[in-house]
Protein backbone atom coordinates (compact mmCIF):
# COMPACT_ATOMS: atom_id res chain seq x y z
CA MET A 1 0.12 0.02 0.43
CA GLU A 2 1.32 3.85 -0.94
CA ALA A 3 2.26 5.36 1.91
CA ARG A 4 -0.09 8.41 1.81
CA ALA A 5 -2.76 5.83 1.60
CA LEU A 6 -1.75 4.16 4.24
CA ILE A 7 -1.72 7.36 6.40
CA GLY A 8 -5.31 7.77 5.11
CA TRP A 9 -6.29 4.50 6.29
CA ASN A 10 -5.32 4.51 9.39
CA LEU A 11 -5.72 7.99 10.36
CA ARG A 12 -9.56 7.06 9.69
CA ARG A 13 -9.41 4.07 11.54
CA LEU A 14 -8.34 5.74 14.57
CA ARG A 15 -10.36 8.58 14.25
CA VAL A 16 -13.36 6.36 13.72
CA ALA A 17 -12.92 4.40 16.93
CA LYS A 18 -11.79 7.75 18.89
CA GLY A 19 -15.63 8.65 17.52
CA LEU A 20 -14.48 11.96 16.65
CA SER A 21 -15.84 13.76 13.55
CA GLN A 22 -13.25 15.04 10.46
CA GLU A 23 -13.66 18.45 12.29
CA ARG A 24 -13.35 17.89 15.71
CA LEU A 25 -9.97 16.49 14.86
CA ALA A 26 -8.97 19.04 12.88
CA LEU A 27 -9.86 21.49 15.46
CA ALA A 28 -8.17 19.37 18.35
CA ALA A 29 -4.99 19.24 15.88
CA GLY A 30 -4.91 22.72 14.78
CA ILE A 31 -5.64 21.90 11.09
CA ASP A 32 -8.56 22.75 8.40
CA ARG A 33 -11.65 19.88 8.00
CA ALA A 34 -10.94 19.77 4.77
CA TYR A 35 -7.55 18.64 4.46
CA VAL A 36 -7.90 16.05 7.16
CA GLY A 37 -10.21 14.74 4.22
CA ARG A 38 -7.53 15.00 2.17
CA VAL A 39 -5.52 12.99 4.10
CA GLU A 40 -7.96 10.34 4.64
CA ARG A 41 -8.61 10.07 1.17
CA GLY A 42 -4.70 9.70 0.20
CA SER A 43 -4.13 12.82 -2.06
CA GLU A 44 -2.04 14.90 0.77
CA ASN A 45 1.70 14.86 1.38
CA VAL A 46 1.55 15.05 4.73
CA THR A 47 4.90 17.05 6.85
CA ILE A 48 6.01 15.39 9.60
CA SER A 49 4.50 17.98 12.10
CA THR A 50 1.19 17.71 11.04
CA LEU A 51 1.28 13.95 11.27
CA GLU A 52 2.52 14.67 14.79
CA ALA A 53 -0.59 16.88 15.26
CA MET A 54 -2.56 14.06 14.84
CA ALA A 55 -1.50 11.74 16.61
CA ASP A 56 -1.26 13.97 19.69
CA ALA A 57 -4.93 14.66 18.86
CA LEU A 58 -6.02 10.87 18.92
CA ALA A 59 -3.46 10.64 21.56
CA VAL A 60 -1.45 7.62 19.61
CA PRO A 61 1.93 7.30 18.44
CA VAL A 62 2.89 8.68 14.69
CA ALA A 63 3.90 4.91 13.98
CA ALA A 64 0.13 4.01 14.62
CA LEU A 65 -0.44 6.10 11.22
CA PHE A 66 1.88 3.97 9.64
CA ILE A 67 0.58 0.46 10.50
CA GLU A 68 -0.09 -2.05 7.19
CA PRO A 69 -3.63 -3.58 7.49
CA GLU A 70 -4.24 -7.24 7.35
CA ALA A 71 -4.41 -8.72 3.61
CA GLY A 72 -8.04 -8.59 2.37
CA ALA A 73 -8.92 -6.32 5.92
CA GLU A 74 -12.17 -3.74 4.62
CA PRO A 75 -11.35 0.06 4.37
CA PRO A 76 -12.58 1.60 7.94
CA MET A 77 -16.17 2.67 7.98
CA PRO A 78 -17.42 6.14 8.73
CA LEU A 79 -19.19 7.96 11.23
CA ARG A 80 -22.55 8.00 10.76
CA ALA A 81 -23.75 11.35 9.21
CA GLY A 82 -25.39 13.80 11.10
CA ARG A 83 -25.28 15.56 14.52
CA ARG A 84 -26.01 13.30 17.56
CA ALA A 85 -29.33 14.30 19.78
CA LYS A 86 -28.81 16.21 22.53
CA SER A 87 -29.21 14.18 26.39
CA GLY A 88 -31.54 15.89 28.59
């Protein structure tokens, strides 16, 4: 798998596992939401500084963004669209 696609795969997998939207991740990392989407699609060359910011926002080591998926693994599913219902 190409490096950009690998980073995008892992970024989405980790973000969804934490229950974060692209917007929330971008806010926590100090980057643009559209940029997060481009990274997840593998269409951006990401700097080390940006990788560090995203990994910090996800509370994972940078190396977690470079883990090869198992052969035949399904792509990470996106979060359900829409806003969450207000509690109480």
